[in-house]
Amino acid sequence: MRDLDLVVFGGVGIDTIVRVPWLPLATADSIHVGPVRDYVAHTGNGVALGSHALGRATMLVDFIGDDPQAELIHARYRERGLPFSYLIHPSGTRRSVNLVDPAGRRLSLYDARHPDALRMERAYYLPFLERATHAHFSIVPWAADLYDDAQALGVMVSTDLHDWDGSKPYYHLFAYRSDIVFMSTAAMGGRHEQVMREIFAQGRAQVVVATAGAAGSYFMTRGEQVSRHVRVAGMGRPIVDSNGAGDAFAAAFLAGYAQERGVLECMQMGAVAGEHACGLEGTAEGFLTGEELRNLL
């Protein structure tokens, strides 16, 4: 029974956010900063919480540790009511340190505590895939093994390649086997249109989205491989932290897509949700509800 609108596989951890006076940092023995805070975060967490806030039946599946960071995750999901299924790995819960400047720009430092050889047993993940209408795969190595089963079950798959440069081979499987592909233009060097067309040529994607921060976002569809630029009038909120904006964008876009809205409208939904996220400190501290999103649109 497909009783879950979205199952997110992988991508929860803890962000330690340091608000710095500027980026890049100057070479110095010490720099005084504001309070350093820990947040439940990472990309899968943001997509799952964003989708859940929009009223969709959502679940997150991942590896975490048996440590104080995991307790923060459990407390957050109990508070929000997000279903979470997990396996314990002895290396612990993933972490990152994010440096954020006064304009909300960030530099993220991710640890690599989970080994690349880590895999999730098929008997564990398959029941969740069987319940899913849509699956979102974070770009962790073990999620790459789920594509065959997802496609055999007819489950639509999305992924977010983040700041991929368009060339590194690791990302190809995610880019070429997903039905909806999100990415950032940050490391593309102006090549995002070429990369989008390569994804269509090599893969099965129906829609490719490239976000560009304050410059808006771009999309192409398989049927019309022409890049369209989308900018939404600002809400007048100050931008304080760009962490989690792309995840909020993806969650809102996928909600619209599931409702069979046009891709342009889905892009507008994503843009509004992403800008809202930029007005909040932390990575995934608040998301729009479905009613709030409709009102803002």
C-alpha atoms as a PDB file:
ATOM      1  CA  MET A   1       0.000   0.000   0.000  1.00  0.00           C
ATOM      2  CA  ARG A   2       1.492   3.356  -1.044  1.00  0.00           C
ATOM      3  CA  ASP A   3       0.635   5.204   2.165  1.00  0.00           C
ATOM      4  CA  LEU A   4       3.688   7.515   2.178  1.00  0.00           C
ATOM      5  CA  ASP A   5       3.823  10.529  -0.113  1.00  0.00           C
ATOM      6  CA  LEU A   6       7.581  10.906   0.301  1.00  0.00           C
ATOM      7  CA  VAL A   7      10.334   8.784   1.819  1.00  0.00           C
ATOM      8  CA  VAL A   8      13.706  10.485   2.189  1.00  0.00           C
ATOM      9  CA  PHE A   9      16.699   8.149   2.274  1.00  0.00           C
ATOM     10  CA  GLY A  10      19.821   9.490   3.975  1.00  0.00           C
ATOM     11  CA  GLY A  11      20.980  12.909   5.015  1.00  0.00           C
ATOM     12  CA  VAL A  12      20.457  13.698   8.695  1.00  0.00           C
ATOM     13  CA  GLY A  13      23.157  15.012  10.996  1.00  0.00           C
ATOM     14  CA  ILE A  14      24.133  17.894  13.234  1.00  0.00           C
ATOM     15  CA  ASP A  15      25.306  21.310  12.035  1.00  0.00           C
ATOM     16  CA  THR A  16      27.470  23.401  14.313  1.00  0.00           C
ATOM     17  CA  ILE A  17      26.902  26.936  13.055  1.00  0.00           C
ATOM     18  CA  VAL A  18      29.464  29.645  13.690  1.00  0.00           C
ATOM     19  CA  ARG A  19      28.457  33.183  12.746  1.00  0.00           C
ATOM     20  CA  VAL A  20      31.679  34.809  11.539  1.00  0.00           C
ATOM     21  CA  PRO A  21      32.333  38.491  10.747  1.00  0.00           C
ATOM     22  CA  TRP A  22      33.356  37.805   7.140  1.00  0.00           C
ATOM     23  CA  LEU A  23      34.189  35.102   4.597  1.00  0.00           C
ATOM     24  CA  PRO A  24      36.803  34.058   3.763  1.00  0.00           C
ATOM     25  CA  LEU A  25      38.283  34.252   7.224  1.00  0.00           C
ATOM     26  CA  ALA A  26      41.554  36.049   7.753  1.00  0.00           C
ATOM     27  CA  THR A  27      44.522  34.030   8.975  1.00  0.00           C
ATOM     28  CA  ALA A  28      44.664  34.682  12.709  1.00  0.00           C
ATOM     29  CA  ASP A  29      45.211  32.899  16.007  1.00  0.00           C
ATOM     30  CA  SER A  30      41.694  33.738  17.166  1.00  0.00           C
ATOM     31  CA  ILE A  31      38.544  35.499  15.995  1.00  0.00           C
ATOM     32  CA  HIS A  32      35.732  36.472  18.347  1.00  0.00           C
ATOM     33  CA  VAL A  33      32.317  35.250  17.176  1.00  0.00           C
ATOM     34  CA  GLY A  34      28.773  35.098  18.484  1.00  0.00           C
ATOM     35  CA  PRO A  35      27.297  32.064  20.261  1.00  0.00           C
ATOM     36  CA  VAL A  36      28.136  28.760  18.570  1.00  0.00           C
ATOM     37  CA  ARG A  37      25.018  26.578  18.257  1.00  0.00           C
ATOM     38  CA  ASP A  38      24.182  22.999  17.230  1.00  0.00           C
ATOM     39  CA  TYR A  39      21.198  22.298  14.974  1.00  0.00           C
ATOM     40  CA  VAL A  40      19.547  19.148  13.675  1.00  0.00           C
ATOM     41  CA  ALA A  41      20.357  19.475  10.015  1.00  0.00           C
ATOM     42  CA  HIS A  42      21.703  18.150   6.695  1.00  0.00           C
ATOM     43  CA  THR A  43      19.905  17.813   3.413  1.00  0.00           C
ATOM     44  CA  GLY A  44      17.642  14.805   3.941  1.00  0.00           C
ATOM     45  CA  ASN A  45      16.469  16.234   7.242  1.00  0.00           C
ATOM     46  CA  GLY A  46      15.572  19.532   5.558  1.00  0.00           C
ATOM     47  CA  VAL A  47      13.631  17.931   2.712  1.00  0.00           C
ATOM     48  CA  ALA A  48      11.766  15.611   5.097  1.00  0.00           C
ATOM     49  CA  LEU A  49      10.837  18.303   7.627  1.00  0.00           C
ATOM     50  CA  GLY A  50       9.845  20.700   4.840  1.00  0.00           C
ATOM     51  CA  SER A  51       7.606  18.089   3.239  1.00  0.00           C
ATOM     52  CA  HIS A  52       6.100  17.138   6.603  1.00  0.00           C
ATOM     53  CA  ALA A  53       5.301  20.786   7.390  1.00  0.00           C
ATOM     54  CA  LEU A  54       3.447  21.039   4.071  1.00  0.00           C
ATOM     55  CA  GLY A  55       1.124  18.264   5.238  1.00  0.00           C
ATOM     56  CA  ARG A  56       2.548  15.396   3.202  1.00  0.00           C
ATOM     57  CA  ALA A  57       2.901  11.884   4.669  1.00  0.00           C
ATOM     58  CA  THR A  58       6.688  11.798   4.973  1.00  0.00           C
ATOM     59  CA  MET A  59       9.318   9.496   6.494  1.00  0.00           C
ATOM     60  CA  LEU A  60      13.087   9.710   6.854  1.00  0.00           C
ATOM     61  CA  VAL A  61      15.355   6.628   6.787  1.00  0.00           C
ATOM     62  CA  ASP A  62      19.060   6.831   7.646  1.00  0.00           C
ATOM     63  CA  PHE A  63      22.063   5.736   9.699  1.00  0.00           C
ATOM     64  CA  ILE A  64      22.879   7.623  12.904  1.00  0.00           C
ATOM     65  CA  GLY A  65      25.009   6.963  15.974  1.00  0.00           C
ATOM     66  CA  ASP A  66      24.282   6.118  19.588  1.00  0.00           C
ATOM     67  CA  ASP A  67      25.543   9.443  20.879  1.00  0.00           C
ATOM     68  CA  PRO A  68      24.427  12.864  22.181  1.00  0.00           C
ATOM     69  CA  GLN A  69      23.963  14.128  18.625  1.00  0.00           C
ATOM     70  CA  ALA A  70      21.469  11.334  17.938  1.00  0.00           C
ATOM     71  CA  GLU A  71      19.492  12.384  21.010  1.00  0.00           C
ATOM     72  CA  LEU A  72      19.096  15.845  19.491  1.00  0.00           C
ATOM     73  CA  ILE A  73      17.690  14.237  16.337  1.00  0.00           C
ATOM     74  CA  HIS A  74      15.242  12.039  18.235  1.00  0.00           C
ATOM     75  CA  ALA A  75      14.020  15.009  20.263  1.00  0.00           C
ATOM     76  CA  ARG A  76      13.470  17.125  17.145  1.00  0.00           C
ATOM     77  CA  TYR A  77      11.471  14.432  15.357  1.00  0.00           C
ATOM     78  CA  ARG A  78       9.339  13.745  18.418  1.00  0.00           C
ATOM     79  CA  GLU A  79       8.631  17.472  18.613  1.00  0.00           C
ATOM     80  CA  ARG A  80       7.720  17.750  14.926  1.00  0.00           C
ATOM     81  CA  GLY A  81       5.986  14.356  14.650  1.00  0.00           C
ATOM     82  CA  LEU A  82       8.172  13.187  11.747  1.00  0.00           C
ATOM     83  CA  PRO A  83       8.364   9.386  11.381  1.00  0.00           C
ATOM     84  CA  PHE A  84      12.031   8.330  11.466  1.00  0.00           C
ATOM     85  CA  SER A  85      13.487   4.855  10.936  1.00  0.00           C
ATOM     86  CA  TYR A  86      17.181   4.386  11.529  1.00  0.00           C
ATOM     87  CA  LEU A  87      20.075   1.996  11.967  1.00  0.00           C
ATOM     88  CA  ILE A  88      22.925   2.610  14.422  1.00  0.00           C
ATOM     89  CA  HIS A  89      26.467   2.839  13.057  1.00  0.00           C
ATOM     90  CA  PRO A  90      29.441   2.768  15.446  1.00  0.00           C
ATOM     91  CA  SER A  91      31.121   5.738  13.747  1.00  0.00           C
ATOM     92  CA  GLY A  92      28.383   7.963  15.143  1.00  0.00           C
ATOM     93  CA  THR A  93      26.060  10.656  13.839  1.00  0.00           C
ATOM     94  CA  ARG A  94      27.337  12.757  10.938  1.00  0.00           C
ATOM     95  CA  ARG A  95      28.356  16.319  11.726  1.00  0.00           C
ATOM     96  CA  SER A  96      29.374  19.503   9.970  1.00  0.00           C
ATOM     97  CA  VAL A  97      30.627  22.951  10.876  1.00  0.00           C
ATOM     98  CA  ASN A  98      29.052  25.799   8.929  1.00  0.00           C
ATOM     99  CA  LEU A  99      30.619  29.253   8.890  1.00  0.00           C
ATOM    100  CA  VAL A 100      27.978  31.909   8.143  1.00  0.00           C
ATOM    101  CA  ASP A 101      28.770  35.562   7.390  1.00  0.00           C
ATOM    102  CA  PRO A 102      26.508  38.589   8.091  1.00  0.00           C
ATOM    103  CA  ALA A 103      25.007  38.351   4.578  1.00  0.00           C
ATOM    104  CA  GLY A 104      23.911  34.755   5.188  1.00  0.00           C
ATOM    105  CA  ARG A 105      26.535  33.171   2.931  1.00  0.00           C
ATOM    106  CA  ARG A 106      28.110  29.986   4.206  1.00  0.00           C
ATOM    107  CA  LEU A 107      31.087  27.667   4.075  1.00  0.00           C
ATOM    108  CA  SER A 108      30.195  24.124   5.127  1.00  0.00           C
ATOM    109  CA  LEU A 109      32.771  21.648   6.450  1.00  0.00           C
ATOM    110  CA  TYR A 110      31.355  18.097   6.398  1.00  0.00           C
ATOM    111  CA  ASP A 111      32.950  15.203   8.217  1.00  0.00           C
ATOM    112  CA  ALA A 112      33.408  11.807   6.588  1.00  0.00           C
ATOM    113  CA  ARG A 113      32.792   9.535   9.540  1.00  0.00           C
ATOM    114  CA  HIS A 114      30.547   7.070   7.695  1.00  0.00           C
ATOM    115  CA  PRO A 115      32.708   4.801   5.517  1.00  0.00           C
ATOM    116  CA  ASP A 116      32.052   4.767   1.779  1.00  0.00           C
ATOM    117  CA  ALA A 117      31.515   1.000   2.010  1.00  0.00           C
ATOM    118  CA  LEU A 118      28.561   1.411   4.391  1.00  0.00           C
ATOM    119  CA  ARG A 119      25.435  -0.203   2.932  1.00  0.00           C
ATOM    120  CA  MET A 120      21.843  -0.556   4.124  1.00  0.00           C
ATOM    121  CA  GLU A 121      20.459  -4.077   3.977  1.00  0.00           C
ATOM    122  CA  ARG A 122      17.802  -4.565   1.317  1.00  0.00           C
ATOM    123  CA  ALA A 123      15.485  -6.250   3.809  1.00  0.00           C
ATOM    124  CA  TYR A 124      15.525  -3.038   5.858  1.00  0.00           C
ATOM    125  CA  TYR A 125      14.968  -0.389   3.183  1.00  0.00           C
ATOM    126  CA  LEU A 126      12.688  -2.290   0.787  1.00  0.00           C
ATOM    127  CA  PRO A 127       9.495  -2.102   2.923  1.00  0.00           C
ATOM    128  CA  PHE A 128       9.796   1.694   2.986  1.00  0.00           C
ATOM    129  CA  LEU A 129      10.273   1.874  -0.788  1.00  0.00           C
ATOM    130  CA  GLU A 130       7.213  -0.315  -1.238  1.00  0.00           C
ATOM    131  CA  ARG A 131       5.139   2.185   0.766  1.00  0.00           C
ATOM    132  CA  ALA A 132       6.462   5.248  -1.087  1.00  0.00           C
ATOM    133  CA  THR A 133       4.831   7.169  -3.901  1.00  0.00           C
ATOM    134  CA  HIS A 134       8.035   9.196  -4.248  1.00  0.00           C
ATOM    135  CA  ALA A 135      11.564   8.679  -2.890  1.00  0.00           C
ATOM    136  CA  HIS A 136      14.220  11.341  -2.420  1.00  0.00           C
ATOM    137  CA  PHE A 137      17.801  10.020  -2.349  1.00  0.00           C
ATOM    138  CA  SER A 138      20.483  12.029  -0.600  1.00  0.00           C
ATOM    139  CA  ILE A 139      23.884  11.656  -2.277  1.00  0.00           C
ATOM    140  CA  VAL A 140      25.284   9.210   0.293  1.00  0.00           C
ATOM    141  CA  PRO A 141      26.963   6.103  -1.195  1.00  0.00           C
ATOM    142  CA  TRP A 142      24.496   3.568   0.187  1.00  0.00           C
ATOM    143  CA  ALA A 143      21.490   5.336  -1.372  1.00  0.00           C
ATOM    144  CA  ALA A 144      22.898   4.667  -4.850  1.00  0.00           C
ATOM    145  CA  ASP A 145      22.125   0.972  -4.365  1.00  0.00           C
ATOM    146  CA  LEU A 146      18.384   1.655  -4.043  1.00  0.00           C
ATOM    147  CA  TYR A 147      17.778   2.743  -7.644  1.00  0.00           C
ATOM    148  CA  ASP A 148      17.134  -0.710  -9.108  1.00  0.00           C
ATOM    149  CA  ASP A 149      14.449  -1.488  -6.538  1.00  0.00           C
ATOM    150  CA  ALA A 150      12.864   1.953  -6.776  1.00  0.00           C
ATOM    151  CA  GLN A 151      12.540   1.726 -10.531  1.00  0.00           C
ATOM    152  CA  ALA A 152      11.305  -1.883 -10.426  1.00  0.00           C
ATOM    153  CA  LEU A 153       8.575  -0.720  -8.051  1.00  0.00           C
ATOM    154  CA  GLY A 154       7.701   2.284 -10.206  1.00  0.00           C
ATOM    155  CA  VAL A 155       8.662   4.768  -7.481  1.00  0.00           C
ATOM    156  CA  MET A 156       9.561   8.226  -8.755  1.00  0.00           C
ATOM    157  CA  VAL A 157      12.974   9.338  -7.474  1.00  0.00           C
ATOM    158  CA  SER A 158      14.465  12.774  -6.937  1.00  0.00           C
ATOM    159  CA  THR A 159      17.923  13.789  -5.773  1.00  0.00           C
ATOM    160  CA  ASP A 160      19.890  16.943  -5.004  1.00  0.00           C
ATOM    161  CA  LEU A 161      23.439  17.152  -6.368  1.00  0.00           C
ATOM    162  CA  HIS A 162      24.128  20.370  -4.423  1.00  0.00           C
ATOM    163  CA  ASP A 163      27.286  22.152  -5.584  1.00  0.00           C
ATOM    164  CA  TRP A 164      28.374  19.540  -8.125  1.00  0.00           C
ATOM    165  CA  ASP A 165      30.764  20.894 -10.724  1.00  0.00           C
ATOM    166  CA  GLY A 166      29.077  18.932 -13.513  1.00  0.00           C
ATOM    167  CA  SER A 167      32.058  16.633 -14.013  1.00  0.00           C
ATOM    168  CA  LYS A 168      32.883  14.524 -10.950  1.00  0.00           C
ATOM    169  CA  PRO A 169      31.868  10.935 -11.811  1.00  0.00           C
ATOM    170  CA  TYR A 170      30.536  10.089  -8.341  1.00  0.00           C
ATOM    171  CA  TYR A 171      27.403  12.160  -9.025  1.00  0.00           C
ATOM    172  CA  HIS A 172      26.606  10.609 -12.400  1.00  0.00           C
ATOM    173  CA  LEU A 173      24.546   7.695 -11.112  1.00  0.00           C
ATOM    174  CA  PHE A 174      22.339  10.004  -9.028  1.00  0.00           C
ATOM    175  CA  ALA A 175      22.049  12.498 -11.899  1.00  0.00           C
ATOM    176  CA  TYR A 176      21.287   9.923 -14.580  1.00  0.00           C
ATOM    177  CA  ARG A 177      18.919   7.612 -12.689  1.00  0.00           C
ATOM    178  CA  SER A 178      16.670  10.165 -10.974  1.00  0.00           C
ATOM    179  CA  ASP A 179      13.387  11.453 -12.396  1.00  0.00           C
ATOM    180  CA  ILE A 180      13.802  14.938 -10.863  1.00  0.00           C
ATOM    181  CA  VAL A 181      17.267  16.398 -10.370  1.00  0.00           C
ATOM    182  CA  PHE A 182      18.081  19.433  -8.232  1.00  0.00           C
ATOM    183  CA  MET A 183      21.502  21.064  -8.227  1.00  0.00           C
ATOM    184  CA  SER A 184      23.204  24.397  -7.595  1.00  0.00           C
ATOM    185  CA  THR A 185      24.959  26.598 -10.126  1.00  0.00           C
ATOM    186  CA  ALA A 186      27.606  27.512  -7.520  1.00  0.00           C
ATOM    187  CA  ALA A 187      30.407  25.341  -8.927  1.00  0.00           C
ATOM    188  CA  MET A 188      29.231  25.154 -12.541  1.00  0.00           C
ATOM    189  CA  GLY A 189      31.229  28.104 -13.837  1.00  0.00           C
ATOM    190  CA  GLY A 190      28.329  29.171 -16.062  1.00  0.00           C
ATOM    191  CA  ARG A 191      27.950  25.646 -17.529  1.00  0.00           C
ATOM    192  CA  HIS A 192      24.620  24.806 -15.904  1.00  0.00           C
ATOM    193  CA  GLU A 193      22.638  24.735 -19.185  1.00  0.00           C
ATOM    194  CA  GLN A 194      25.139  22.359 -20.771  1.00  0.00           C
ATOM    195  CA  VAL A 195      25.117  20.125 -17.686  1.00  0.00           C
ATOM    196  CA  MET A 196      21.306  20.079 -17.600  1.00  0.00           C
ATOM    197  CA  ARG A 197      21.190  18.896 -21.212  1.00  0.00           C
ATOM    198  CA  GLU A 198      23.818  16.232 -20.494  1.00  0.00           C
ATOM    199  CA  ILE A 199      21.612  14.895 -17.696  1.00  0.00           C
ATOM    200  CA  PHE A 200      18.718  14.522 -20.137  1.00  0.00           C
ATOM    201  CA  ALA A 201      20.955  12.922 -22.768  1.00  0.00           C
ATOM    202  CA  GLN A 202      22.490  10.387 -20.383  1.00  0.00           C
ATOM    203  CA  GLY A 203      19.638   9.760 -17.980  1.00  0.00           C
ATOM    204  CA  ARG A 204      15.919   9.468 -17.310  1.00  0.00           C
ATOM    205  CA  ALA A 205      15.204  12.868 -15.741  1.00  0.00           C
ATOM    206  CA  GLN A 206      11.948  14.586 -16.620  1.00  0.00           C
ATOM    207  CA  VAL A 207      12.887  17.871 -14.910  1.00  0.00           C
ATOM    208  CA  VAL A 208      16.256  19.374 -13.978  1.00  0.00           C
ATOM    209  CA  VAL A 209      16.410  22.370 -11.627  1.00  0.00           C
ATOM    210  CA  ALA A 210      19.461  24.552 -11.004  1.00  0.00           C
ATOM    211  CA  THR A 211      19.233  27.004  -8.119  1.00  0.00           C
ATOM    212  CA  ALA A 212      21.359  30.141  -8.129  1.00  0.00           C
ATOM    213  CA  GLY A 213      20.753  31.757  -4.740  1.00  0.00           C
ATOM    214  CA  ALA A 214      19.803  35.429  -4.916  1.00  0.00           C
ATOM    215  CA  ALA A 215      19.953  35.247  -8.730  1.00  0.00           C
ATOM    216  CA  GLY A 216      16.905  32.969  -8.789  1.00  0.00           C
ATOM    217  CA  SER A 217      16.750  29.519 -10.343  1.00  0.00           C
ATOM    218  CA  TYR A 218      16.613  27.746 -13.704  1.00  0.00           C
ATOM    219  CA  PHE A 219      14.777  24.706 -14.996  1.00  0.00           C
ATOM    220  CA  MET A 220      14.519  22.515 -18.048  1.00  0.00           C
ATOM    221  CA  THR A 221      12.051  19.781 -18.922  1.00  0.00           C
ATOM    222  CA  ARG A 222      12.735  16.753 -21.084  1.00  0.00           C
ATOM    223  CA  GLY A 223      10.091  17.801 -23.564  1.00  0.00           C
ATOM    224  CA  GLU A 224      11.430  21.344 -23.922  1.00  0.00           C
ATOM    225  CA  GLN A 225      15.142  21.487 -23.240  1.00  0.00           C
ATOM    226  CA  VAL A 226      15.275  25.258 -23.049  1.00  0.00           C
ATOM    227  CA  SER A 227      16.535  26.860 -19.850  1.00  0.00           C
ATOM    228  CA  ARG A 228      13.944  29.070 -18.170  1.00  0.00           C
ATOM    229  CA  HIS A 229      14.958  31.561 -15.505  1.00  0.00           C
ATOM    230  CA  VAL A 230      12.630  32.060 -12.534  1.00  0.00           C
ATOM    231  CA  ARG A 231      12.762  34.928 -10.056  1.00  0.00           C
ATOM    232  CA  VAL A 232      10.078  35.568  -7.456  1.00  0.00           C
ATOM    233  CA  ALA A 233       9.466  38.981  -5.909  1.00  0.00           C
ATOM    234  CA  GLY A 234      11.063  39.091  -2.471  1.00  0.00           C
ATOM    235  CA  MET A 235       9.049  38.910   0.722  1.00  0.00           C
ATOM    236  CA  GLY A 236      11.024  41.729   2.321  1.00  0.00           C
ATOM    237  CA  ARG A 237      12.534  39.458   4.974  1.00  0.00           C
ATOM    238  CA  PRO A 238      16.183  40.020   5.895  1.00  0.00           C
ATOM    239  CA  ILE A 239      18.468  37.199   4.770  1.00  0.00           C
ATOM    240  CA  VAL A 240      20.222  35.863   7.853  1.00  0.00           C
ATOM    241  CA  ASP A 241      21.286  32.289   6.978  1.00  0.00           C
ATOM    242  CA  SER A 242      21.199  30.432   3.655  1.00  0.00           C
ATOM    243  CA  ASN A 243      21.606  27.009   5.292  1.00  0.00           C
ATOM    244  CA  GLY A 244      18.684  24.788   4.347  1.00  0.00           C
ATOM    245  CA  ALA A 245      17.281  27.024   1.600  1.00  0.00           C
ATOM    246  CA  GLY A 246      17.821  24.432  -1.123  1.00  0.00           C
ATOM    247  CA  ASP A 247      16.163  21.727   0.959  1.00  0.00           C
ATOM    248  CA  ALA A 248      13.088  23.907   1.563  1.00  0.00           C
ATOM    249  CA  PHE A 249      13.011  24.660  -2.179  1.00  0.00           C
ATOM    250  CA  ALA A 250      13.082  20.955  -3.045  1.00  0.00           C
ATOM    251  CA  ALA A 251      10.371  20.055  -0.514  1.00  0.00           C
ATOM    252  CA  ALA A 252       7.969  22.689  -1.836  1.00  0.00           C
ATOM    253  CA  PHE A 253       8.726  21.895  -5.491  1.00  0.00           C
ATOM    254  CA  LEU A 254       8.048  18.187  -4.914  1.00  0.00           C
ATOM    255  CA  ALA A 255       4.793  18.975  -3.122  1.00  0.00           C
ATOM    256  CA  GLY A 256       3.599  20.965  -6.134  1.00  0.00           C
ATOM    257  CA  TYR A 257       4.789  18.304  -8.579  1.00  0.00           C
ATOM    258  CA  ALA A 258       2.858  15.618  -6.698  1.00  0.00           C
ATOM    259  CA  GLN A 259      -0.254  17.761  -7.110  1.00  0.00           C
ATOM    260  CA  GLU A 260       0.413  17.807 -10.891  1.00  0.00           C
ATOM    261  CA  ARG A 261       0.995  21.552 -10.935  1.00  0.00           C
ATOM    262  CA  GLY A 262       2.959  22.982 -13.828  1.00  0.00           C
ATOM    263  CA  VAL A 263       6.724  23.046 -13.453  1.00  0.00           C
ATOM    264  CA  LEU A 264       6.777  26.858 -13.467  1.00  0.00           C
ATOM    265  CA  GLU A 265       4.359  26.955 -10.533  1.00  0.00           C
ATOM    266  CA  CYS A 266       6.440  24.319  -8.720  1.00  0.00           C
ATOM    267  CA  MET A 267       9.501  26.526  -9.220  1.00  0.00           C
ATOM    268  CA  GLN A 268       7.647  29.487  -7.735  1.00  0.00           C
ATOM    269  CA  MET A 269       6.606  27.386  -4.749  1.00  0.00           C
ATOM    270  CA  GLY A 270      10.215  26.321  -4.240  1.00  0.00           C
ATOM    271  CA  ALA A 271      11.523  29.867  -4.507  1.00  0.00           C
ATOM    272  CA  VAL A 272       9.125  31.182  -1.857  1.00  0.00           C
ATOM    273  CA  ALA A 273       9.933  28.316   0.526  1.00  0.00           C
ATOM    274  CA  GLY A 274      13.651  28.768  -0.018  1.00  0.00           C
ATOM    275  CA  GLU A 275      13.543  32.497   0.664  1.00  0.00           C
ATOM    276  CA  HIS A 276      11.518  31.905   3.813  1.00  0.00           C
ATOM    277  CA  ALA A 277      14.206  29.492   5.041  1.00  0.00           C
ATOM    278  CA  CYS A 278      16.887  32.161   4.497  1.00  0.00           C
ATOM    279  CA  GLY A 279      15.109  34.406   6.995  1.00  0.00           C
ATOM    280  CA  LEU A 280      15.666  31.942   9.849  1.00  0.00           C
ATOM    281  CA  GLU A 281      18.853  31.243  11.772  1.00  0.00           C
ATOM    282  CA  GLY A 282      19.983  27.632  11.643  1.00  0.00           C
ATOM    283  CA  THR A 283      19.613  24.964   9.007  1.00  0.00           C
ATOM    284  CA  ALA A 284      16.097  23.591   9.368  1.00  0.00           C
ATOM    285  CA  GLU A 285      14.478  25.462  12.217  1.00  0.00           C
ATOM    286  CA  GLY A 286      11.188  26.319  10.531  1.00  0.00           C
ATOM    287  CA  PHE A 287       9.217  25.607   7.369  1.00  0.00           C
ATOM    288  CA  LEU A 288       6.115  26.958   5.727  1.00  0.00           C
ATOM    289  CA  THR A 289       2.857  25.097   6.130  1.00  0.00           C
ATOM    290  CA  GLY A 290       0.720  24.463   3.070  1.00  0.00           C
ATOM    291  CA  GLU A 291      -1.623  27.330   4.007  1.00  0.00           C
ATOM    292  CA  GLU A 292       1.261  29.739   4.587  1.00  0.00           C
ATOM    293  CA  LEU A 293       2.799  28.841   1.253  1.00  0.00           C
ATOM    294  CA  ARG A 294      -0.502  29.363  -0.580  1.00  0.00           C
ATOM    295  CA  ASN A 295      -0.951  32.761   1.070  1.00  0.00           C
ATOM    296  CA  LEU A 296       2.550  33.902   0.158  1.00  0.00           C
ATOM    297  CA  LEU A 297       2.133  32.762  -3.442  1.00  0.00           C
END
